[in-house]
Amino acid sequence: MKLDGRIALVTGASQGIGHACALALSARGASVAVAARNRQKLEELVQQITAAGGTSAAFVMDVADEEQVKAGVKAALGQFGKIDILVNNAGITRDQLVMRMKRADWDAVVNTNLTSAYLCIQHVIGSMLKQRWGRIINITSIFGQTGQAGQANYAASKAGLIGLTMAMAREVASRNITCNAIAPGFIETSMTDVLSDEFKQNAMKMIPLGRVGKPEDIASAVCYLASDEASYITGHVLNVNGGMLMG
């Protein structure tokens, strides 16, 4: 899965899945524009990539802010000349039962997890259409497929990403641009670190493969969908969950 000459933009790249995706894409030859809110973590990631012989640049961006997305994508295009691969990975949680959920927590999660993907696609798609090649990869969640009590905002945002993926796949297929989603299951990240031991133990019992996933498991799937080998796959949701959800 060589990605030599490709330019990738990864959101939420400062940690977890986004961090792993940036490293994996670079290892396969892509130049990587990394975006997130934390400048220090982004610069450390860029140093890690360049130390390994790759090419990368950091773009500080709050993806929930339309003007920052517009400016960040413009800056990335200005530096790299194009964007071939877009990985919409940025995401947050604000868990609470619906009866107690504040409107601000609903809006924050939907804006960061779903609206940001729409904004990034909108500002990147022109580059892909011009070159008649592109890969859009949206990181959704198993909870966007099954729902989860106490996470109505998160589940709704991730389910929305699946609908967005399929709509975009239809809109741009004629231009040799694919749009797919990856639905991680229980992955070892800072987002899952804060969960209770009881929750983690119960989750493990639901995973046929008997282990928690790693960010690298998702990154490998991202690299495949970004490659020429996946050129006939679009509008698809790839489950990477150790067997938690089948069928």
C-alpha atoms as a PDB file:
ATOM      1  CA  MET A   1       0.000   0.000   0.000  1.00  0.00           C
ATOM      2  CA  LYS A   2       2.362   2.680  -1.212  1.00  0.00           C
ATOM      3  CA  LEU A   3       1.141   6.264  -0.950  1.00  0.00           C
ATOM      4  CA  ASP A   4       4.156   7.992  -2.474  1.00  0.00           C
ATOM      5  CA  GLY A   5       3.326  11.450  -3.783  1.00  0.00           C
ATOM      6  CA  ARG A   6       0.004  11.653  -1.945  1.00  0.00           C
ATOM      7  CA  ILE A   7      -0.870  14.477   0.435  1.00  0.00           C
ATOM      8  CA  ALA A   8      -3.018  13.656   3.452  1.00  0.00           C
ATOM      9  CA  LEU A   9      -4.827  15.916   5.905  1.00  0.00           C
ATOM     10  CA  VAL A  10      -5.633  14.319   9.267  1.00  0.00           C
ATOM     11  CA  THR A  11      -7.813  16.067  11.833  1.00  0.00           C
ATOM     12  CA  GLY A  12      -7.612  15.309  15.537  1.00  0.00           C
ATOM     13  CA  ALA A  13      -4.008  14.315  14.896  1.00  0.00           C
ATOM     14  CA  SER A  14      -2.506  15.348  18.231  1.00  0.00           C
ATOM     15  CA  GLN A  15      -3.245  12.025  19.950  1.00  0.00           C
ATOM     16  CA  GLY A  16      -4.869   8.608  19.728  1.00  0.00           C
ATOM     17  CA  ILE A  17      -6.230   7.401  16.412  1.00  0.00           C
ATOM     18  CA  GLY A  18      -5.359  10.586  14.532  1.00  0.00           C
ATOM     19  CA  HIS A  19      -1.763  10.457  15.736  1.00  0.00           C
ATOM     20  CA  ALA A  20      -1.465   6.815  14.645  1.00  0.00           C
ATOM     21  CA  CYS A  21      -3.028   7.579  11.261  1.00  0.00           C
ATOM     22  CA  ALA A  22      -0.552  10.383  10.575  1.00  0.00           C
ATOM     23  CA  LEU A  23       2.397   8.135  11.389  1.00  0.00           C
ATOM     24  CA  ALA A  24       1.057   5.245   9.325  1.00  0.00           C
ATOM     25  CA  LEU A  25       0.273   7.367   6.266  1.00  0.00           C
ATOM     26  CA  SER A  26       3.739   8.912   6.430  1.00  0.00           C
ATOM     27  CA  ALA A  27       5.382   5.497   6.765  1.00  0.00           C
ATOM     28  CA  ARG A  28       3.735   4.537   3.473  1.00  0.00           C
ATOM     29  CA  GLY A  29       5.093   7.582   1.667  1.00  0.00           C
ATOM     30  CA  ALA A  30       2.407  10.231   2.036  1.00  0.00           C
ATOM     31  CA  SER A  31       3.161  13.790   3.104  1.00  0.00           C
ATOM     32  CA  VAL A  32       0.907  14.600   6.045  1.00  0.00           C
ATOM     33  CA  ALA A  33      -0.755  17.828   7.128  1.00  0.00           C
ATOM     34  CA  VAL A  34      -1.715  17.321  10.767  1.00  0.00           C
ATOM     35  CA  ALA A  35      -4.464  19.402  12.359  1.00  0.00           C
ATOM     36  CA  ALA A  36      -5.703  19.782  15.932  1.00  0.00           C
ATOM     37  CA  ARG A  37      -6.023  22.433  18.653  1.00  0.00           C
ATOM     38  CA  ASN A  38      -2.840  21.570  20.569  1.00  0.00           C
ATOM     39  CA  ARG A  39       0.130  23.200  18.858  1.00  0.00           C
ATOM     40  CA  GLN A  40       2.768  21.565  21.067  1.00  0.00           C
ATOM     41  CA  LYS A  41       1.525  18.024  20.431  1.00  0.00           C
ATOM     42  CA  LEU A  42       1.252  18.703  16.698  1.00  0.00           C
ATOM     43  CA  GLU A  43       4.802  20.017  16.530  1.00  0.00           C
ATOM     44  CA  GLU A  44       6.054  16.962  18.415  1.00  0.00           C
ATOM     45  CA  LEU A  45       4.260  14.743  15.879  1.00  0.00           C
ATOM     46  CA  VAL A  46       5.780  16.659  12.966  1.00  0.00           C
ATOM     47  CA  GLN A  47       9.234  16.211  14.496  1.00  0.00           C
ATOM     48  CA  GLN A  48       8.597  12.495  14.886  1.00  0.00           C
ATOM     49  CA  ILE A  49       7.562  12.162  11.250  1.00  0.00           C
ATOM     50  CA  THR A  50      10.438  14.230   9.878  1.00  0.00           C
ATOM     51  CA  ALA A  51      12.958  12.379  12.074  1.00  0.00           C
ATOM     52  CA  ALA A  52      11.809   9.176  10.367  1.00  0.00           C
ATOM     53  CA  GLY A  53      12.391  10.713   6.949  1.00  0.00           C
ATOM     54  CA  GLY A  54       8.839  11.819   6.229  1.00  0.00           C
ATOM     55  CA  THR A  55       7.294  15.156   5.338  1.00  0.00           C
ATOM     56  CA  SER A  56       4.758  16.843   7.583  1.00  0.00           C
ATOM     57  CA  ALA A  57       3.452  20.216   8.707  1.00  0.00           C
ATOM     58  CA  ALA A  58       1.221  21.298  11.581  1.00  0.00           C
ATOM     59  CA  PHE A  59      -1.935  23.376  11.243  1.00  0.00           C
ATOM     60  CA  VAL A  60      -3.549  24.509  14.473  1.00  0.00           C
ATOM     61  CA  MET A  61      -7.275  24.252  13.937  1.00  0.00           C
ATOM     62  CA  ASP A  62     -10.456  23.937  15.967  1.00  0.00           C
ATOM     63  CA  VAL A  63     -12.562  21.946  13.515  1.00  0.00           C
ATOM     64  CA  ALA A  64     -15.773  23.183  15.148  1.00  0.00           C
ATOM     65  CA  ASP A  65     -14.899  26.710  13.986  1.00  0.00           C
ATOM     66  CA  GLU A  66     -15.716  27.230  10.303  1.00  0.00           C
ATOM     67  CA  GLU A  67     -13.282  30.103   9.842  1.00  0.00           C
ATOM     68  CA  GLN A  68     -10.432  28.077  11.354  1.00  0.00           C
ATOM     69  CA  VAL A  69     -11.220  25.143   9.071  1.00  0.00           C
ATOM     70  CA  LYS A  70     -11.288  27.417   6.050  1.00  0.00           C
ATOM     71  CA  ALA A  71      -7.988  29.057   6.996  1.00  0.00           C
ATOM     72  CA  GLY A  72      -6.319  25.776   7.956  1.00  0.00           C
ATOM     73  CA  VAL A  73      -7.228  23.983   4.743  1.00  0.00           C
ATOM     74  CA  LYS A  74      -6.182  27.012   2.702  1.00  0.00           C
ATOM     75  CA  ALA A  75      -2.812  27.044   4.468  1.00  0.00           C
ATOM     76  CA  ALA A  76      -2.320  23.300   3.894  1.00  0.00           C
ATOM     77  CA  LEU A  77      -3.171  23.664   0.215  1.00  0.00           C
ATOM     78  CA  GLY A  78      -0.812  26.625  -0.011  1.00  0.00           C
ATOM     79  CA  GLN A  79       2.043  24.599   1.459  1.00  0.00           C
ATOM     80  CA  PHE A  80       1.471  21.243  -0.238  1.00  0.00           C
ATOM     81  CA  GLY A  81      -0.337  22.286  -3.418  1.00  0.00           C
ATOM     82  CA  LYS A  82      -3.127  19.705  -3.101  1.00  0.00           C
ATOM     83  CA  ILE A  83      -4.877  17.331  -0.708  1.00  0.00           C
ATOM     84  CA  ASP A  84      -5.450  13.781  -1.916  1.00  0.00           C
ATOM     85  CA  ILE A  85      -6.548  12.112   1.312  1.00  0.00           C
ATOM     86  CA  LEU A  86      -8.785  13.562   4.019  1.00  0.00           C
ATOM     87  CA  VAL A  87      -9.142  11.730   7.333  1.00  0.00           C
ATOM     88  CA  ASN A  88     -11.947  13.222   9.417  1.00  0.00           C
ATOM     89  CA  ASN A  89     -10.997  11.921  12.832  1.00  0.00           C
ATOM     90  CA  ALA A  90     -11.544  14.781  15.298  1.00  0.00           C
ATOM     91  CA  GLY A  91     -14.047  13.900  17.981  1.00  0.00           C
ATOM     92  CA  ILE A  92     -15.133  14.607  21.567  1.00  0.00           C
ATOM     93  CA  THR A  93     -17.602  13.239  24.111  1.00  0.00           C
ATOM     94  CA  ARG A  94     -19.887  15.025  26.579  1.00  0.00           C
ATOM     95  CA  ASP A  95     -21.745  12.108  28.122  1.00  0.00           C
ATOM     96  CA  GLN A  96     -25.052  12.483  29.931  1.00  0.00           C
ATOM     97  CA  LEU A  97     -28.573  11.059  29.865  1.00  0.00           C
ATOM     98  CA  VAL A  98     -30.791  12.997  27.453  1.00  0.00           C
ATOM     99  CA  MET A  99     -33.095  14.189  30.249  1.00  0.00           C
ATOM    100  CA  ARG A 100     -30.124  15.944  31.867  1.00  0.00           C
ATOM    101  CA  MET A 101     -28.043  16.804  28.794  1.00  0.00           C
ATOM    102  CA  LYS A 102     -27.358  20.488  28.317  1.00  0.00           C
ATOM    103  CA  ARG A 103     -27.945  21.940  24.883  1.00  0.00           C
ATOM    104  CA  ALA A 104     -24.354  23.219  24.878  1.00  0.00           C
ATOM    105  CA  ASP A 105     -23.044  19.668  25.288  1.00  0.00           C
ATOM    106  CA  TRP A 106     -25.241  18.427  22.446  1.00  0.00           C
ATOM    107  CA  ASP A 107     -24.060  21.235  20.163  1.00  0.00           C
ATOM    108  CA  ALA A 108     -20.385  20.823  21.083  1.00  0.00           C
ATOM    109  CA  VAL A 109     -20.350  17.114  20.227  1.00  0.00           C
ATOM    110  CA  VAL A 110     -22.377  17.411  17.018  1.00  0.00           C
ATOM    111  CA  ASN A 111     -20.331  20.399  15.819  1.00  0.00           C
ATOM    112  CA  THR A 112     -16.972  18.762  16.545  1.00  0.00           C
ATOM    113  CA  ASN A 113     -17.790  15.234  15.405  1.00  0.00           C
ATOM    114  CA  LEU A 114     -20.157  15.788  12.466  1.00  0.00           C
ATOM    115  CA  THR A 115     -20.340  19.381  11.268  1.00  0.00           C
ATOM    116  CA  SER A 116     -16.537  19.537  11.190  1.00  0.00           C
ATOM    117  CA  ALA A 117     -16.426  16.668   8.701  1.00  0.00           C
ATOM    118  CA  TYR A 118     -18.856  18.494   6.422  1.00  0.00           C
ATOM    119  CA  LEU A 119     -16.748  21.650   6.668  1.00  0.00           C
ATOM    120  CA  CYS A 120     -13.458  19.865   5.978  1.00  0.00           C
ATOM    121  CA  ILE A 121     -14.930  18.006   3.018  1.00  0.00           C
ATOM    122  CA  GLN A 122     -16.403  21.198   1.609  1.00  0.00           C
ATOM    123  CA  HIS A 123     -13.069  23.018   1.689  1.00  0.00           C
ATOM    124  CA  VAL A 124     -10.960  20.071   0.489  1.00  0.00           C
ATOM    125  CA  ILE A 125     -13.203  18.672  -2.223  1.00  0.00           C
ATOM    126  CA  GLY A 126     -12.232  21.293  -4.814  1.00  0.00           C
ATOM    127  CA  SER A 127      -8.652  20.008  -4.851  1.00  0.00           C
ATOM    128  CA  MET A 128      -9.835  16.416  -5.305  1.00  0.00           C
ATOM    129  CA  LEU A 129     -12.283  17.315  -8.070  1.00  0.00           C
ATOM    130  CA  LYS A 130      -9.594  19.238  -9.930  1.00  0.00           C
ATOM    131  CA  GLN A 131      -7.207  16.284  -9.995  1.00  0.00           C
ATOM    132  CA  ARG A 132     -10.007  13.706 -10.375  1.00  0.00           C
ATOM    133  CA  TRP A 133      -8.670  11.598  -7.503  1.00  0.00           C
ATOM    134  CA  GLY A 134      -9.402  11.582  -3.825  1.00  0.00           C
ATOM    135  CA  ARG A 135      -9.973   9.568  -0.688  1.00  0.00           C
ATOM    136  CA  ILE A 136     -12.293  10.773   2.072  1.00  0.00           C
ATOM    137  CA  ILE A 137     -12.234   8.636   5.222  1.00  0.00           C
ATOM    138  CA  ASN A 138     -14.557   9.434   8.113  1.00  0.00           C
ATOM    139  CA  ILE A 139     -13.894   7.916  11.526  1.00  0.00           C
ATOM    140  CA  THR A 140     -17.269   7.003  12.981  1.00  0.00           C
ATOM    141  CA  SER A 141     -17.913   4.566  15.860  1.00  0.00           C
ATOM    142  CA  ILE A 142     -19.600   1.300  16.731  1.00  0.00           C
ATOM    143  CA  PHE A 143     -21.951   3.454  18.844  1.00  0.00           C
ATOM    144  CA  GLY A 144     -23.072   5.222  15.680  1.00  0.00           C
ATOM    145  CA  GLN A 145     -24.356   1.795  14.624  1.00  0.00           C
ATOM    146  CA  THR A 146     -25.720   0.445  17.909  1.00  0.00           C
ATOM    147  CA  GLY A 147     -26.411   3.524  20.021  1.00  0.00           C
ATOM    148  CA  GLN A 148     -25.224   3.859  23.611  1.00  0.00           C
ATOM    149  CA  ALA A 149     -27.087   4.954  26.721  1.00  0.00           C
ATOM    150  CA  GLY A 150     -25.736   8.248  28.020  1.00  0.00           C
ATOM    151  CA  GLN A 151     -24.182   9.099  24.668  1.00  0.00           C
ATOM    152  CA  ALA A 152     -27.120  10.278  22.564  1.00  0.00           C
ATOM    153  CA  ASN A 153     -25.129  13.240  21.273  1.00  0.00           C
ATOM    154  CA  TYR A 154     -22.072  11.130  20.433  1.00  0.00           C
ATOM    155  CA  ALA A 155     -24.076   8.297  18.871  1.00  0.00           C
ATOM    156  CA  ALA A 156     -26.128  10.736  16.793  1.00  0.00           C
ATOM    157  CA  SER A 157     -23.015  12.513  15.535  1.00  0.00           C
ATOM    158  CA  LYS A 158     -21.328   9.253  14.575  1.00  0.00           C
ATOM    159  CA  ALA A 159     -24.472   7.893  12.903  1.00  0.00           C
ATOM    160  CA  GLY A 160     -24.648  11.172  11.000  1.00  0.00           C
ATOM    161  CA  LEU A 161     -21.108  10.581   9.745  1.00  0.00           C
ATOM    162  CA  ILE A 162     -22.270   7.309   8.204  1.00  0.00           C
ATOM    163  CA  GLY A 163     -25.058   9.076   6.333  1.00  0.00           C
ATOM    164  CA  LEU A 164     -22.652  11.815   5.240  1.00  0.00           C
ATOM    165  CA  THR A 165     -20.235   9.165   3.986  1.00  0.00           C
ATOM    166  CA  MET A 166     -22.838   7.518   1.771  1.00  0.00           C
ATOM    167  CA  ALA A 167     -24.161  10.800   0.416  1.00  0.00           C
ATOM    168  CA  MET A 168     -20.655  12.018  -0.458  1.00  0.00           C
ATOM    169  CA  ALA A 169     -19.786   8.683  -2.054  1.00  0.00           C
ATOM    170  CA  ARG A 170     -22.675   9.162  -4.475  1.00  0.00           C
ATOM    171  CA  GLU A 171     -21.887  12.819  -5.136  1.00  0.00           C
ATOM    172  CA  VAL A 172     -18.245  12.394  -6.160  1.00  0.00           C
ATOM    173  CA  ALA A 173     -17.912   8.821  -7.459  1.00  0.00           C
ATOM    174  CA  SER A 174     -17.891   9.957 -11.093  1.00  0.00           C
ATOM    175  CA  ARG A 175     -14.695  11.939 -10.379  1.00  0.00           C
ATOM    176  CA  ASN A 176     -12.738   8.935  -9.096  1.00  0.00           C
ATOM    177  CA  ILE A 177     -13.148  10.051  -5.492  1.00  0.00           C
ATOM    178  CA  THR A 178     -14.140   7.511  -2.865  1.00  0.00           C
ATOM    179  CA  CYS A 179     -15.710   8.210   0.505  1.00  0.00           C
ATOM    180  CA  ASN A 180     -15.735   5.556   3.199  1.00  0.00           C
ATOM    181  CA  ALA A 181     -16.112   5.330   6.958  1.00  0.00           C
ATOM    182  CA  ILE A 182     -14.324   3.288   9.587  1.00  0.00           C
ATOM    183  CA  ALA A 183     -16.253   2.293  12.703  1.00  0.00           C
ATOM    184  CA  PRO A 184     -13.860   1.509  15.564  1.00  0.00           C
ATOM    185  CA  GLY A 185     -14.992  -0.603  18.468  1.00  0.00           C
ATOM    186  CA  PHE A 186     -13.294  -0.431  21.848  1.00  0.00           C
ATOM    187  CA  ILE A 187      -9.939   1.234  21.143  1.00  0.00           C
ATOM    188  CA  GLU A 188      -7.229   2.067  23.677  1.00  0.00           C
ATOM    189  CA  THR A 189      -7.160   5.892  23.645  1.00  0.00           C
ATOM    190  CA  SER A 190      -7.349   8.784  26.103  1.00  0.00           C
ATOM    191  CA  MET A 191     -11.098   8.863  25.438  1.00  0.00           C
ATOM    192  CA  THR A 192     -11.524   5.300  26.721  1.00  0.00           C
ATOM    193  CA  ASP A 193      -8.886   5.574  29.482  1.00  0.00           C
ATOM    194  CA  VAL A 194     -11.325   7.529  31.646  1.00  0.00           C
ATOM    195  CA  LEU A 195     -13.980   4.776  31.570  1.00  0.00           C
ATOM    196  CA  SER A 196     -14.520   2.728  34.698  1.00  0.00           C
ATOM    197  CA  ASP A 197     -12.835  -0.642  35.143  1.00  0.00           C
ATOM    198  CA  GLU A 198     -16.278  -2.254  35.309  1.00  0.00           C
ATOM    199  CA  PHE A 199     -17.222  -0.796  31.931  1.00  0.00           C
ATOM    200  CA  LYS A 200     -13.940  -1.953  30.407  1.00  0.00           C
ATOM    201  CA  GLN A 201     -14.341  -5.480  31.786  1.00  0.00           C
ATOM    202  CA  ASN A 202     -17.889  -5.725  30.446  1.00  0.00           C
ATOM    203  CA  ALA A 203     -16.738  -4.434  27.075  1.00  0.00           C
ATOM    204  CA  MET A 204     -13.988  -7.056  26.908  1.00  0.00           C
ATOM    205  CA  LYS A 205     -16.573  -9.807  27.365  1.00  0.00           C
ATOM    206  CA  MET A 206     -18.301  -8.574  24.191  1.00  0.00           C
ATOM    207  CA  ILE A 207     -15.166  -8.757  22.014  1.00  0.00           C
ATOM    208  CA  PRO A 208     -14.747 -12.180  20.359  1.00  0.00           C
ATOM    209  CA  LEU A 209     -11.071 -11.554  19.638  1.00  0.00           C
ATOM    210  CA  GLY A 210     -10.548 -11.063  23.367  1.00  0.00           C
ATOM    211  CA  ARG A 211      -8.533  -7.856  23.292  1.00  0.00           C
ATOM    212  CA  VAL A 212      -8.967  -4.129  23.156  1.00  0.00           C
ATOM    213  CA  GLY A 213      -8.046  -2.524  19.850  1.00  0.00           C
ATOM    214  CA  LYS A 214      -5.112  -0.186  19.353  1.00  0.00           C
ATOM    215  CA  PRO A 215      -5.004   3.073  17.378  1.00  0.00           C
ATOM    216  CA  GLU A 216      -2.676   1.305  14.935  1.00  0.00           C
ATOM    217  CA  ASP A 217      -5.489  -1.122  14.073  1.00  0.00           C
ATOM    218  CA  ILE A 218      -7.547   1.803  12.818  1.00  0.00           C
ATOM    219  CA  ALA A 219      -4.556   3.430  11.118  1.00  0.00           C
ATOM    220  CA  SER A 220      -3.914   0.288   9.063  1.00  0.00           C
ATOM    221  CA  ALA A 221      -7.514   0.346   7.843  1.00  0.00           C
ATOM    222  CA  VAL A 222      -7.189   4.033   6.969  1.00  0.00           C
ATOM    223  CA  CYS A 223      -4.068   3.347   4.902  1.00  0.00           C
ATOM    224  CA  TYR A 224      -5.850   0.582   2.999  1.00  0.00           C
ATOM    225  CA  LEU A 225      -8.874   2.747   2.154  1.00  0.00           C
ATOM    226  CA  ALA A 226      -6.509   5.554   1.108  1.00  0.00           C
ATOM    227  CA  SER A 227      -4.646   3.310  -1.309  1.00  0.00           C
ATOM    228  CA  ASP A 228      -5.164   2.371  -4.951  1.00  0.00           C
ATOM    229  CA  GLU A 229      -5.925  -1.167  -3.780  1.00  0.00           C
ATOM    230  CA  ALA A 230      -9.232   0.135  -2.388  1.00  0.00           C
ATOM    231  CA  SER A 231     -10.227   2.033  -5.534  1.00  0.00           C
ATOM    232  CA  TYR A 232     -13.443   0.011  -5.999  1.00  0.00           C
ATOM    233  CA  ILE A 233     -14.698   0.543  -2.446  1.00  0.00           C
ATOM    234  CA  THR A 234     -16.912   3.526  -1.724  1.00  0.00           C
ATOM    235  CA  GLY A 235     -19.875   4.307   0.508  1.00  0.00           C
ATOM    236  CA  HIS A 236     -18.735   1.521   2.822  1.00  0.00           C
ATOM    237  CA  VAL A 237     -18.516   1.344   6.614  1.00  0.00           C
ATOM    238  CA  LEU A 238     -15.557  -0.802   7.626  1.00  0.00           C
ATOM    239  CA  ASN A 239     -16.004  -2.280  11.094  1.00  0.00           C
ATOM    240  CA  VAL A 240     -12.762  -2.552  13.074  1.00  0.00           C
ATOM    241  CA  ASN A 241     -14.076  -3.815  16.375  1.00  0.00           C
ATOM    242  CA  GLY A 242     -12.691  -7.266  17.144  1.00  0.00           C
ATOM    243  CA  GLY A 243     -16.048  -8.819  16.300  1.00  0.00           C
ATOM    244  CA  MET A 244     -18.182  -6.789  18.731  1.00  0.00           C
ATOM    245  CA  LEU A 245     -20.721  -6.088  15.984  1.00  0.00           C
ATOM    246  CA  MET A 246     -21.387  -8.607  13.225  1.00  0.00           C
ATOM    247  CA  GLY A 247     -23.922  -8.764  10.431  1.00  0.00           C
END
